[in-house]
Amino acid sequence: MKPLLFLANAFINTFGITQPSEAAAKRASQFIAVLIGLVIFVFLGVAAFGIYLMSRP
């Protein structure tokens, strides 16, 4: 979880957002983890569908 907390804090510090509490920062890192997971899932789904289309006769 530490890399995600680092990513959340980097985003917060880059855009000058007020520092959140520790609980809010943990919640933000969990939200980022879910978004990254969704992006990977969608990417794999599109890739699998593309492979399926290319392998059809």
N, C-alpha and C. Protein backbone atom coordinates (compact mmCIF):
# COMPACT_ATOMS: atom_id res chain seq x y z
N MET A 1 0.82 -1.19 0.00
CA MET A 1 0.00 0.00 0.00
C MET A 1 0.86 1.26 0.00
N LYS A 2 2.11 1.13 0.42
CA LYS A 2 2.98 2.31 0.49
C LYS A 2 3.18 2.99 -0.86
N PRO A 3 3.39 2.24 -1.96
CA PRO A 3 3.53 2.93 -3.25
C PRO A 3 2.28 3.72 -3.63
N LEU A 4 1.11 3.21 -3.26
CA LEU A 4 -0.12 3.93 -3.57
C LEU A 4 -0.26 5.18 -2.70
N LEU A 5 0.16 5.08 -1.44
CA LEU A 5 0.15 6.27 -0.60
C LEU A 5 1.12 7.32 -1.14
N PHE A 6 2.27 6.86 -1.62
CA PHE A 6 3.23 7.77 -2.23
C PHE A 6 2.62 8.45 -3.45
N LEU A 7 1.93 7.68 -4.28
CA LEU A 7 1.30 8.22 -5.48
C LEU A 7 0.21 9.24 -5.11
N ALA A 8 -0.60 8.90 -4.12
CA ALA A 8 -1.66 9.82 -3.69
C ALA A 8 -1.06 11.11 -3.13
N ASN A 9 -0.01 10.99 -2.31
CA ASN A 9 0.63 12.19 -1.76
C ASN A 9 1.32 13.01 -2.83
N ALA A 10 1.91 12.35 -3.82
CA ALA A 10 2.54 13.08 -4.91
C ALA A 10 1.49 13.88 -5.69
N PHE A 11 0.34 13.28 -5.95
CA PHE A 11 -0.74 13.98 -6.64
C PHE A 11 -1.21 15.18 -5.82
N ILE A 12 -1.41 14.95 -4.53
CA ILE A 12 -1.90 16.02 -3.64
C ILE A 12 -0.90 17.16 -3.59
N ASN A 13 0.38 16.85 -3.46
CA ASN A 13 1.40 17.88 -3.37
C ASN A 13 1.63 18.58 -4.70
N THR A 14 1.50 17.87 -5.80
CA THR A 14 1.71 18.47 -7.12
C THR A 14 0.67 19.54 -7.41
N PHE A 15 -0.57 19.26 -7.07
CA PHE A 15 -1.65 20.19 -7.38
C PHE A 15 -1.99 21.12 -6.23
N GLY A 16 -1.23 21.05 -5.16
CA GLY A 16 -1.41 22.00 -4.06
C GLY A 16 -2.70 21.81 -3.29
N ILE A 17 -3.18 20.59 -3.24
CA ILE A 17 -4.40 20.29 -2.51
C ILE A 17 -4.06 20.24 -1.02
N THR A 18 -4.99 20.68 -0.19
CA THR A 18 -4.79 20.64 1.25
C THR A 18 -4.53 19.21 1.70
N GLN A 19 -3.54 19.04 2.57
CA GLN A 19 -3.16 17.71 3.04
C GLN A 19 -4.34 17.06 3.77
N PRO A 20 -4.72 15.86 3.35
CA PRO A 20 -5.83 15.17 4.02
C PRO A 20 -5.36 14.49 5.30
N SER A 21 -6.32 14.02 6.07
CA SER A 21 -5.97 13.24 7.25
C SER A 21 -5.40 11.91 6.80
N GLU A 22 -4.84 11.17 7.73
CA GLU A 22 -4.24 9.88 7.38
C GLU A 22 -5.30 8.90 6.85
N ALA A 23 -6.49 8.94 7.44
CA ALA A 23 -7.56 8.05 6.97
C ALA A 23 -8.00 8.43 5.56
N ALA A 24 -8.08 9.71 5.27
CA ALA A 24 -8.47 10.15 3.93
C ALA A 24 -7.40 9.81 2.90
N ALA A 25 -6.14 9.90 3.29
CA ALA A 25 -5.06 9.54 2.38
C ALA A 25 -5.09 8.04 2.08
N LYS A 26 -5.40 7.23 3.09
CA LYS A 26 -5.50 5.79 2.88
C LYS A 26 -6.68 5.48 1.96
N ARG A 27 -7.79 6.17 2.15
CA ARG A 27 -8.96 5.97 1.29
C ARG A 27 -8.64 6.38 -0.14
N ALA A 28 -7.90 7.46 -0.32
CA ALA A 28 -7.51 7.91 -1.66
C ALA A 28 -6.61 6.88 -2.32
N SER A 29 -5.69 6.28 -1.57
CA SER A 29 -4.81 5.28 -2.16
C SER A 29 -5.60 4.03 -2.54
N GLN A 30 -6.61 3.67 -1.77
CA GLN A 30 -7.46 2.54 -2.13
C GLN A 30 -8.25 2.84 -3.40
N PHE A 31 -8.73 4.06 -3.52
CA PHE A 31 -9.46 4.48 -4.71
C PHE A 31 -8.55 4.42 -5.94
N ILE A 32 -7.31 4.87 -5.78
CA ILE A 32 -6.35 4.80 -6.88
C ILE A 32 -6.09 3.34 -7.26
N ALA A 33 -5.98 2.46 -6.27
CA ALA A 33 -5.75 1.04 -6.55
C ALA A 33 -6.91 0.45 -7.34
N VAL A 34 -8.13 0.81 -6.98
CA VAL A 34 -9.31 0.33 -7.71
C VAL A 34 -9.29 0.84 -9.14
N LEU A 35 -8.97 2.12 -9.33
CA LEU A 35 -8.92 2.68 -10.68
C LEU A 35 -7.85 1.99 -11.54
N ILE A 36 -6.68 1.77 -10.96
CA ILE A 36 -5.61 1.09 -11.70
C ILE A 36 -6.06 -0.33 -12.06
N GLY A 37 -6.70 -1.01 -11.12
CA GLY A 37 -7.21 -2.35 -11.40
C GLY A 37 -8.24 -2.36 -12.52
N LEU A 38 -9.14 -1.38 -12.52
CA LEU A 38 -10.14 -1.29 -13.58
C LEU A 38 -9.50 -1.02 -14.93
N VAL A 39 -8.51 -0.16 -14.97
CA VAL A 39 -7.83 0.14 -16.23
C VAL A 39 -7.15 -1.12 -16.76
N ILE A 40 -6.49 -1.85 -15.89
CA ILE A 40 -5.83 -3.09 -16.32
C ILE A 40 -6.86 -4.10 -16.81
N PHE A 41 -7.98 -4.24 -16.08
CA PHE A 41 -9.03 -5.16 -16.46
C PHE A 41 -9.61 -4.81 -17.83
N VAL A 42 -9.88 -3.53 -18.06
CA VAL A 42 -10.43 -3.10 -19.36
C VAL A 42 -9.40 -3.34 -20.46
N PHE A 43 -8.15 -3.01 -20.21
CA PHE A 43 -7.10 -3.22 -21.20
C PHE A 43 -6.99 -4.70 -21.57
N LEU A 44 -6.99 -5.58 -20.58
CA LEU A 44 -6.91 -7.01 -20.85
C LEU A 44 -8.14 -7.51 -21.61
N GLY A 45 -9.29 -6.96 -21.27
CA GLY A 45 -10.51 -7.34 -21.98
C GLY A 45 -10.47 -6.93 -23.44
N VAL A 46 -10.02 -5.72 -23.72
CA VAL A 46 -9.91 -5.24 -25.10
C VAL A 46 -8.86 -6.06 -25.85
N ALA A 47 -7.75 -6.37 -25.20
CA ALA A 47 -6.71 -7.17 -25.84
C ALA A 47 -7.22 -8.58 -26.15
N ALA A 48 -7.94 -9.18 -25.22
CA ALA A 48 -8.49 -10.52 -25.45
C ALA A 48 -9.50 -10.50 -26.58
N PHE A 49 -10.33 -9.47 -26.63
CA PHE A 49 -11.31 -9.36 -27.71
C PHE A 49 -10.60 -9.16 -29.05
N GLY A 50 -9.54 -8.37 -29.06
CA GLY A 50 -8.77 -8.18 -30.29
C GLY A 50 -8.12 -9.45 -30.76
N ILE A 51 -7.57 -10.22 -29.83
CA ILE A 51 -6.96 -11.51 -30.18
C ILE A 51 -8.03 -12.46 -30.71
N TYR A 52 -9.19 -12.43 -30.08
CA TYR A 52 -10.30 -13.27 -30.55
C TYR A 52 -10.68 -12.90 -31.98
N LEU A 53 -10.79 -11.62 -32.27
CA LEU A 53 -11.16 -11.19 -33.63
C LEU A 53 -10.09 -11.56 -34.65
N MET A 54 -8.84 -11.47 -34.27
CA MET A 54 -7.75 -11.78 -35.21
C MET A 54 -7.64 -13.29 -35.44
N SER A 55 -8.03 -14.09 -34.48
CA SER A 55 -7.86 -15.54 -34.63
C SER A 55 -9.04 -16.20 -35.33
N ARG A 56 -10.10 -15.46 -35.57
CA ARG A 56 -11.24 -16.03 -36.29
C ARG A 56 -10.86 -16.26 -37.75
N PRO A 57 -11.36 -17.36 -38.35
CA PRO A 57 -11.02 -17.63 -39.77
C PRO A 57 -11.70 -16.69 -40.74
